[in-house]
Amino acid sequence: QWIQRKIGELEILIVPDSGFTDKDLNYVIQETIKKVGTDNMDITTKTVEYKDLIYTSRGKFKLIVNLNK
Protein backbone atom coordinates (compact mmCIF):
# COMPACT_ATOMS: atom_id res chain seq x y z
CA GLN A 1 0.00 0.00 0.00
CA TRP A 2 1.36 3.40 -0.99
CA ILE A 3 0.50 6.21 1.45
CA GLN A 4 1.24 9.89 1.03
CA ARG A 5 0.76 11.86 4.24
CA LYS A 6 2.77 14.89 3.10
CA ILE A 7 3.79 16.19 -0.29
CA GLY A 8 7.20 14.77 -1.19
CA GLU A 9 6.98 11.82 1.21
CA LEU A 10 5.78 8.32 0.42
CA GLU A 11 5.35 5.45 2.85
CA ILE A 12 5.06 1.93 1.46
CA LEU A 13 3.30 -0.55 3.74
CA ILE A 14 4.25 -4.14 2.92
CA VAL A 15 2.56 -7.29 4.16
CA PRO A 16 5.35 -9.80 3.52
CA ASP A 17 4.81 -13.45 2.80
CA SER A 18 7.05 -16.16 4.21
CA GLY A 19 9.68 -15.84 1.47
CA PHE A 20 9.99 -12.05 1.39
CA THR A 21 13.63 -10.91 1.31
CA ASP A 22 15.65 -7.69 1.10
CA LYS A 23 15.86 -8.32 -2.65
CA ASP A 24 12.07 -8.20 -2.83
CA LEU A 25 12.02 -5.01 -0.77
CA ASN A 26 14.54 -3.37 -3.10
CA TYR A 27 12.42 -4.42 -6.08
CA VAL A 28 9.35 -2.70 -4.59
CA ILE A 29 11.35 0.47 -3.97
CA GLN A 30 12.91 0.50 -7.46
CA GLU A 31 9.58 -0.07 -9.19
CA THR A 32 8.04 2.73 -7.15
CA ILE A 33 10.90 5.08 -8.11
CA LYS A 34 10.24 4.21 -11.77
CA LYS A 35 6.64 5.40 -11.31
CA VAL A 36 7.25 8.57 -9.27
CA GLY A 37 10.68 9.57 -10.60
CA THR A 38 13.91 10.22 -8.76
CA ASP A 39 14.82 13.06 -6.42
CA ASN A 40 11.23 14.19 -5.90
CA MET A 41 9.97 11.80 -3.25
CA ASP A 42 11.34 10.54 0.07
CA ILE A 43 10.36 6.87 0.29
CA THR A 44 10.14 4.86 3.49
CA THR A 45 9.00 1.27 3.89
CA LYS A 46 7.32 -0.51 6.75
CA THR A 47 6.32 -4.15 7.14
CA VAL A 48 2.86 -4.52 8.64
CA GLU A 49 0.01 -6.97 9.08
CA TYR A 50 -3.19 -6.89 7.02
CA LYS A 51 -5.05 -5.24 9.89
CA ASP A 52 -2.70 -2.23 9.68
CA LEU A 53 -3.62 -1.40 6.07
CA ILE A 54 -6.12 1.33 5.20
CA TYR A 55 -9.47 0.25 3.79
CA THR A 56 -12.48 2.12 2.40
CA SER A 57 -15.58 2.54 4.54
CA ARG A 58 -16.97 -0.52 2.73
CA GLY A 59 -13.97 -2.63 3.77
CA LYS A 60 -12.23 -2.64 0.38
CA PHE A 61 -8.45 -2.47 0.26
CA LYS A 62 -7.01 0.82 -1.05
CA LEU A 63 -3.73 0.49 -2.96
CA ILE A 64 -2.99 4.23 -3.07
CA VAL A 65 -3.95 6.44 -0.14
CA ASN A 66 -3.48 10.21 -0.24
CA LEU A 67 -3.83 11.71 3.23
CA ASN A 68 -2.48 15.06 2.00
CA LYS A 69 -4.67 17.80 3.42
PDB file of N, CA and C in Angstrom:
ATOM      1  N   GLN A   1       0.844  -1.162   0.000  1.00  0.00           N
ATOM      2  CA  GLN A   1       0.000   0.000   0.000  1.00  0.00           C
ATOM      3  C   GLN A   1       0.895   1.232   0.000  1.00  0.00           C
ATOM      4  N   TRP A   2       0.597   2.160  -0.896  1.00  0.00           N
ATOM      5  CA  TRP A   2       1.357   3.404  -0.988  1.00  0.00           C
ATOM      6  C   TRP A   2       0.561   4.507  -0.298  1.00  0.00           C
ATOM      7  N   ILE A   3       1.189   5.173   0.687  1.00  0.00           N
ATOM      8  CA  ILE A   3       0.505   6.215   1.454  1.00  0.00           C
ATOM      9  C   ILE A   3       1.301   7.501   1.381  1.00  0.00           C
ATOM     10  N   GLN A   4       0.609   8.575   1.020  1.00  0.00           N
ATOM     11  CA  GLN A   4       1.236   9.889   1.033  1.00  0.00           C
ATOM     12  C   GLN A   4       0.533  10.729   2.091  1.00  0.00           C
ATOM     13  N   ARG A   5       1.285  11.035   3.151  1.00  0.00           N
ATOM     14  CA  ARG A   5       0.759  11.860   4.240  1.00  0.00           C
ATOM     15  C   ARG A   5       1.130  13.328   4.039  1.00  0.00           C
ATOM     16  N   LYS A   6       2.283  13.547   3.392  1.00  0.00           N
ATOM     17  CA  LYS A   6       2.772  14.894   3.105  1.00  0.00           C
ATOM     18  C   LYS A   6       3.326  14.914   1.687  1.00  0.00           C
ATOM     19  N   ILE A   7       3.224  16.048   1.048  1.00  0.00           N
ATOM     20  CA  ILE A   7       3.794  16.193  -0.291  1.00  0.00           C
ATOM     21  C   ILE A   7       5.295  15.919  -0.224  1.00  0.00           C
ATOM     22  N   GLY A   8       5.777  15.096  -1.127  1.00  0.00           N
ATOM     23  CA  GLY A   8       7.196  14.767  -1.190  1.00  0.00           C
ATOM     24  C   GLY A   8       7.612  13.588  -0.327  1.00  0.00           C
ATOM     25  N   GLU A   9       6.658  12.981   0.379  1.00  0.00           N
ATOM     26  CA  GLU A   9       6.975  11.820   1.214  1.00  0.00           C
ATOM     27  C   GLU A   9       6.015  10.683   0.890  1.00  0.00           C
ATOM     28  N   LEU A  10       6.569   9.494   0.734  1.00  0.00           N
ATOM     29  CA  LEU A  10       5.775   8.321   0.417  1.00  0.00           C
ATOM     30  C   LEU A  10       6.143   7.199   1.379  1.00  0.00           C
ATOM     31  N   GLU A  11       5.136   6.597   1.971  1.00  0.00           N
ATOM     32  CA  GLU A  11       5.348   5.449   2.852  1.00  0.00           C
ATOM     33  C   GLU A  11       4.749   4.223   2.167  1.00  0.00           C
ATOM     34  N   ILE A  12       5.542   3.169   2.057  1.00  0.00           N
ATOM     35  CA  ILE A  12       5.057   1.929   1.457  1.00  0.00           C
ATOM     36  C   ILE A  12       4.848   0.923   2.582  1.00  0.00           C
ATOM     37  N   LEU A  13       3.609   0.484   2.750  1.00  0.00           N
ATOM     38  CA  LEU A  13       3.298  -0.552   3.738  1.00  0.00           C
ATOM     39  C   LEU A  13       3.313  -1.895   3.014  1.00  0.00           C
ATOM     40  N   ILE A  14       4.083  -2.828   3.544  1.00  0.00           N
ATOM     41  CA  ILE A  14       4.247  -4.139   2.917  1.00  0.00           C
ATOM     42  C   ILE A  14       3.811  -5.222   3.887  1.00  0.00           C
ATOM     43  N   VAL A  15       2.938  -6.101   3.399  1.00  0.00           N
ATOM     44  CA  VAL A  15       2.555  -7.290   4.161  1.00  0.00           C
ATOM     45  C   VAL A  15       3.346  -8.437   3.531  1.00  0.00           C
ATOM     46  N   PRO A  16       4.472  -8.803   4.143  1.00  0.00           N
ATOM     47  CA  PRO A  16       5.347  -9.798   3.519  1.00  0.00           C
ATOM     48  C   PRO A  16       4.817 -11.223   3.665  1.00  0.00           C
ATOM     49  N   ASP A  17       5.110 -12.032   2.655  1.00  0.00           N
ATOM     50  CA  ASP A  17       4.806 -13.449   2.798  1.00  0.00           C
ATOM     51  C   ASP A  17       6.027 -14.148   3.374  1.00  0.00           C
ATOM     52  N   SER A  18       5.987 -15.434   3.505  1.00  0.00           N
ATOM     53  CA  SER A  18       7.050 -16.158   4.208  1.00  0.00           C
ATOM     54  C   SER A  18       8.386 -16.170   3.472  1.00  0.00           C
ATOM     55  N   GLY A  19       8.418 -15.813   2.185  1.00  0.00           N
ATOM     56  CA  GLY A  19       9.681 -15.837   1.469  1.00  0.00           C
ATOM     57  C   GLY A  19      10.211 -14.456   1.127  1.00  0.00           C
ATOM     58  N   PHE A  20       9.638 -13.428   1.720  1.00  0.00           N
ATOM     59  CA  PHE A  20       9.991 -12.045   1.394  1.00  0.00           C
ATOM     60  C   PHE A  20      11.402 -11.730   1.880  1.00  0.00           C
ATOM     61  N   THR A  21      12.235 -11.187   0.973  1.00  0.00           N
ATOM     62  CA  THR A  21      13.631 -10.908   1.310  1.00  0.00           C
ATOM     63  C   THR A  21      13.951  -9.434   1.054  1.00  0.00           C
ATOM     64  N   ASP A  22      15.185  -9.051   1.384  1.00  0.00           N
ATOM     65  CA  ASP A  22      15.645  -7.689   1.096  1.00  0.00           C
ATOM     66  C   ASP A  22      15.656  -7.435  -0.411  1.00  0.00           C
ATOM     67  N   LYS A  23      15.898  -8.460  -1.194  1.00  0.00           N
ATOM     68  CA  LYS A  23      15.864  -8.322  -2.651  1.00  0.00           C
ATOM     69  C   LYS A  23      14.457  -7.927  -3.115  1.00  0.00           C
ATOM     70  N   ASP A  24      13.453  -8.532  -2.511  1.00  0.00           N
ATOM     71  CA  ASP A  24      12.067  -8.197  -2.835  1.00  0.00           C
ATOM     72  C   ASP A  24      11.743  -6.761  -2.419  1.00  0.00           C
ATOM     73  N   LEU A  25      12.231  -6.370  -1.257  1.00  0.00           N
ATOM     74  CA  LEU A  25      12.017  -5.015  -0.765  1.00  0.00           C
ATOM     75  C   LEU A  25      12.648  -3.998  -1.720  1.00  0.00           C
ATOM     76  N   ASN A  26      13.868  -4.254  -2.151  1.00  0.00           N
ATOM     77  CA  ASN A  26      14.540  -3.365  -3.097  1.00  0.00           C
ATOM     78  C   ASN A  26      13.786  -3.289  -4.423  1.00  0.00           C
ATOM     79  N   TYR A  27      13.215  -4.403  -4.845  1.00  0.00           N
ATOM     80  CA  TYR A  27      12.423  -4.420  -6.078  1.00  0.00           C
ATOM     81  C   TYR A  27      11.218  -3.491  -5.943  1.00  0.00           C
ATOM     82  N   VAL A  28      10.521  -3.565  -4.832  1.00  0.00           N
ATOM     83  CA  VAL A  28       9.355  -2.703  -4.591  1.00  0.00           C
ATOM     84  C   VAL A  28       9.768  -1.238  -4.639  1.00  0.00           C
ATOM     85  N   ILE A  29      10.869  -0.917  -3.996  1.00  0.00           N
ATOM     86  CA  ILE A  29      11.352   0.469  -3.970  1.00  0.00           C
ATOM     87  C   ILE A  29      11.738   0.932  -5.372  1.00  0.00           C
ATOM     88  N   GLN A  30      12.478   0.121  -6.114  1.00  0.00           N
ATOM     89  CA  GLN A  30      12.914   0.501  -7.458  1.00  0.00           C
ATOM     90  C   GLN A  30      11.737   0.677  -8.413  1.00  0.00           C
ATOM     91  N   GLU A  31      10.752  -0.196  -8.330  1.00  0.00           N
ATOM     92  CA  GLU A  31       9.579  -0.073  -9.192  1.00  0.00           C
ATOM     93  C   GLU A  31       8.775   1.177  -8.835  1.00  0.00           C
ATOM     94  N   THR A  32       8.732   1.512  -7.569  1.00  0.00           N
ATOM     95  CA  THR A  32       8.041   2.733  -7.147  1.00  0.00           C
ATOM     96  C   THR A  32       8.773   3.958  -7.681  1.00  0.00           C
ATOM     97  N   ILE A  33      10.095   3.963  -7.591  1.00  0.00           N
ATOM     98  CA  ILE A  33      10.895   5.080  -8.108  1.00  0.00           C
ATOM     99  C   ILE A  33      10.663   5.246  -9.613  1.00  0.00           C
ATOM    100  N   LYS A  34      10.520   4.137 -10.332  1.00  0.00           N
ATOM    101  CA  LYS A  34      10.239   4.214 -11.769  1.00  0.00           C
ATOM    102  C   LYS A  34       8.924   4.952 -12.025  1.00  0.00           C
ATOM    103  N   LYS A  35       7.958   4.775 -11.136  1.00  0.00           N
ATOM    104  CA  LYS A  35       6.643   5.403 -11.306  1.00  0.00           C
ATOM    105  C   LYS A  35       6.630   6.864 -10.882  1.00  0.00           C
ATOM    106  N   VAL A  36       7.327   7.203  -9.795  1.00  0.00           N
ATOM    107  CA  VAL A  36       7.254   8.575  -9.268  1.00  0.00           C
ATOM    108  C   VAL A  36       8.449   9.422  -9.654  1.00  0.00           C
ATOM    109  N   GLY A  37       9.483   8.825 -10.215  1.00  0.00           N
ATOM    110  CA  GLY A  37      10.681   9.565 -10.597  1.00  0.00           C
ATOM    111  C   GLY A  37      11.687   9.615  -9.456  1.00  0.00           C
ATOM    112  N   THR A  38      12.853  10.123  -9.759  1.00  0.00           N
ATOM    113  CA  THR A  38      13.913  10.216  -8.759  1.00  0.00           C
ATOM    114  C   THR A  38      14.013  11.639  -8.234  1.00  0.00           C
ATOM    115  N   ASP A  39      14.535  11.765  -7.043  1.00  0.00           N
ATOM    116  CA  ASP A  39      14.815  13.064  -6.418  1.00  0.00           C
ATOM    117  C   ASP A  39      13.590  13.938  -6.174  1.00  0.00           C
ATOM    118  N   ASN A  40      12.395  13.372  -6.202  1.00  0.00           N
ATOM    119  CA  ASN A  40      11.228  14.189  -5.899  1.00  0.00           C
ATOM    120  C   ASN A  40      10.340  13.582  -4.823  1.00  0.00           C
ATOM    121  N   MET A  41      10.796  12.471  -4.230  1.00  0.00           N
ATOM    122  CA  MET A  41       9.967  11.804  -3.245  1.00  0.00           C
ATOM    123  C   MET A  41      10.857  11.061  -2.255  1.00  0.00           C
ATOM    124  N   ASP A  42      10.677  11.331  -0.967  1.00  0.00           N
ATOM    125  CA  ASP A  42      11.339  10.541   0.071  1.00  0.00           C
ATOM    126  C   ASP A  42      10.487   9.304   0.304  1.00  0.00           C
ATOM    127  N   ILE A  43      11.096   8.134   0.171  1.00  0.00           N
ATOM    128  CA  ILE A  43      10.363   6.873   0.290  1.00  0.00           C
ATOM    129  C   ILE A  43      10.821   6.129   1.536  1.00  0.00           C
ATOM    130  N   THR A  44       9.851   5.732   2.352  1.00  0.00           N
ATOM    131  CA  THR A  44      10.136   4.863   3.492  1.00  0.00           C
ATOM    132  C   THR A  44       9.281   3.603   3.348  1.00  0.00           C
ATOM    133  N   THR A  45       9.754   2.512   3.932  1.00  0.00           N
ATOM    134  CA  THR A  45       8.995   1.270   3.886  1.00  0.00           C
ATOM    135  C   THR A  45       8.747   0.778   5.300  1.00  0.00           C
ATOM    136  N   LYS A  46       7.676   0.030   5.444  1.00  0.00           N
ATOM    137  CA  LYS A  46       7.321  -0.513   6.754  1.00  0.00           C
ATOM    138  C   LYS A  46       6.613  -1.844   6.522  1.00  0.00           C
ATOM    139  N   THR A  47       7.037  -2.886   7.225  1.00  0.00           N
ATOM    140  CA  THR A  47       6.319  -4.154   7.138  1.00  0.00           C
ATOM    141  C   THR A  47       5.221  -4.153   8.203  1.00  0.00           C
ATOM    142  N   VAL A  48       4.039  -4.565   7.780  1.00  0.00           N
ATOM    143  CA  VAL A  48       2.863  -4.521   8.644  1.00  0.00           C
ATOM    144  C   VAL A  48       2.050  -5.793   8.472  1.00  0.00           C
ATOM    145  N   GLU A  49       0.981  -5.893   9.230  1.00  0.00           N
ATOM    146  CA  GLU A  49       0.014  -6.975   9.077  1.00  0.00           C
ATOM    147  C   GLU A  49      -1.195  -6.427   8.323  1.00  0.00           C
ATOM    148  N   TYR A  50      -2.026  -7.321   7.784  1.00  0.00           N
ATOM    149  CA  TYR A  50      -3.192  -6.890   7.023  1.00  0.00           C
ATOM    150  C   TYR A  50      -4.057  -5.900   7.800  1.00  0.00           C
ATOM    151  N   LYS A  51      -4.178  -6.102   9.087  1.00  0.00           N
ATOM    152  CA  LYS A  51      -5.049  -5.244   9.894  1.00  0.00           C
ATOM    153  C   LYS A  51      -4.548  -3.802   9.953  1.00  0.00           C
ATOM    154  N   ASP A  52      -3.277  -3.577   9.627  1.00  0.00           N
ATOM    155  CA  ASP A  52      -2.697  -2.234   9.678  1.00  0.00           C
ATOM    156  C   ASP A  52      -2.908  -1.437   8.389  1.00  0.00           C
ATOM    157  N   LEU A  53      -3.400  -2.085   7.340  1.00  0.00           N
ATOM    158  CA  LEU A  53      -3.622  -1.399   6.074  1.00  0.00           C
ATOM    159  C   LEU A  53      -4.866  -0.514   6.158  1.00  0.00           C
ATOM    160  N   ILE A  54      -4.979   0.416   5.230  1.00  0.00           N
ATOM    161  CA  ILE A  54      -6.118   1.327   5.203  1.00  0.00           C
ATOM    162  C   ILE A  54      -7.141   0.794   4.199  1.00  0.00           C
ATOM    163  N   TYR A  55      -8.391   0.755   4.613  1.00  0.00           N
ATOM    164  CA  TYR A  55      -9.475   0.252   3.788  1.00  0.00           C
ATOM    165  C   TYR A  55     -10.531   1.343   3.608  1.00  0.00           C
ATOM    166  N   THR A  56     -11.375   1.189   2.592  1.00  0.00           N
ATOM    167  CA  THR A  56     -12.481   2.118   2.400  1.00  0.00           C
ATOM    168  C   THR A  56     -13.523   1.862   3.485  1.00  0.00           C
ATOM    169  N   SER A  57     -14.520   2.729   3.550  1.00  0.00           N
ATOM    170  CA  SER A  57     -15.584   2.538   4.543  1.00  0.00           C
ATOM    171  C   SER A  57     -16.379   1.264   4.278  1.00  0.00           C
ATOM    172  N   ARG A  58     -16.281   0.730   3.065  1.00  0.00           N
ATOM    173  CA  ARG A  58     -16.968  -0.524   2.729  1.00  0.00           C
ATOM    174  C   ARG A  58     -16.072  -1.738   2.936  1.00  0.00           C
ATOM    175  N   GLY A  59     -14.874  -1.518   3.470  1.00  0.00           N
ATOM    176  CA  GLY A  59     -13.974  -2.626   3.765  1.00  0.00           C
ATOM    177  C   GLY A  59     -13.110  -3.075   2.609  1.00  0.00           C
ATOM    178  N   LYS A  60     -13.059  -2.272   1.530  1.00  0.00           N
ATOM    179  CA  LYS A  60     -12.229  -2.642   0.385  1.00  0.00           C
ATOM    180  C   LYS A  60     -10.830  -2.069   0.556  1.00  0.00           C
ATOM    181  N   PHE A  61      -9.843  -2.865   0.171  1.00  0.00           N
ATOM    182  CA  PHE A  61      -8.445  -2.473   0.260  1.00  0.00           C
ATOM    183  C   PHE A  61      -8.169  -1.312  -0.682  1.00  0.00           C
ATOM    184  N   LYS A  62      -7.421  -0.305  -0.211  1.00  0.00           N
ATOM    185  CA  LYS A  62      -7.006   0.818  -1.051  1.00  0.00           C
ATOM    186  C   LYS A  62      -5.516   0.672  -1.328  1.00  0.00           C
ATOM    187  N   LEU A  63      -5.133   0.624  -2.601  1.00  0.00           N
ATOM    188  CA  LEU A  63      -3.728   0.488  -2.962  1.00  0.00           C
ATOM    189  C   LEU A  63      -2.982   1.804  -2.763  1.00  0.00           C
ATOM    190  N   ILE A  64      -3.606   2.911  -3.189  1.00  0.00           N
ATOM    191  CA  ILE A  64      -2.987   4.231  -3.072  1.00  0.00           C
ATOM    192  C   ILE A  64      -3.855   5.085  -2.156  1.00  0.00           C
ATOM    193  N   VAL A  65      -3.230   5.626  -1.120  1.00  0.00           N
ATOM    194  CA  VAL A  65      -3.951   6.438  -0.144  1.00  0.00           C
ATOM    195  C   VAL A  65      -3.270   7.800  -0.071  1.00  0.00           C
ATOM    196  N   ASN A  66      -4.012   8.849  -0.330  1.00  0.00           N
ATOM    197  CA  ASN A  66      -3.476  10.207  -0.239  1.00  0.00           C
ATOM    198  C   ASN A  66      -4.125  10.886   0.955  1.00  0.00           C
ATOM    199  N   LEU A  67      -3.339  11.063   2.012  1.00  0.00           N
ATOM    200  CA  LEU A  67      -3.831  11.712   3.234  1.00  0.00           C
ATOM    201  C   LEU A  67      -3.383  13.165   3.278  1.00  0.00           C
ATOM    202  N   ASN A  68      -2.927  13.679   2.144  1.00  0.00           N
ATOM    203  CA  ASN A  68      -2.484  15.058   2.001  1.00  0.00           C
ATOM    204  C   ASN A  68      -3.654  15.995   2.235  1.00  0.00           C
ATOM    205  N   LYS A  69      -3.577  16.842   3.175  1.00  0.00           N
ATOM    206  CA  LYS A  69      -4.672  17.804   3.422  1.00  0.00           C
ATOM    207  C   LYS A  69      -4.115  19.186   3.509  1.00  0.00           C
TER     208      LYS A  69
END
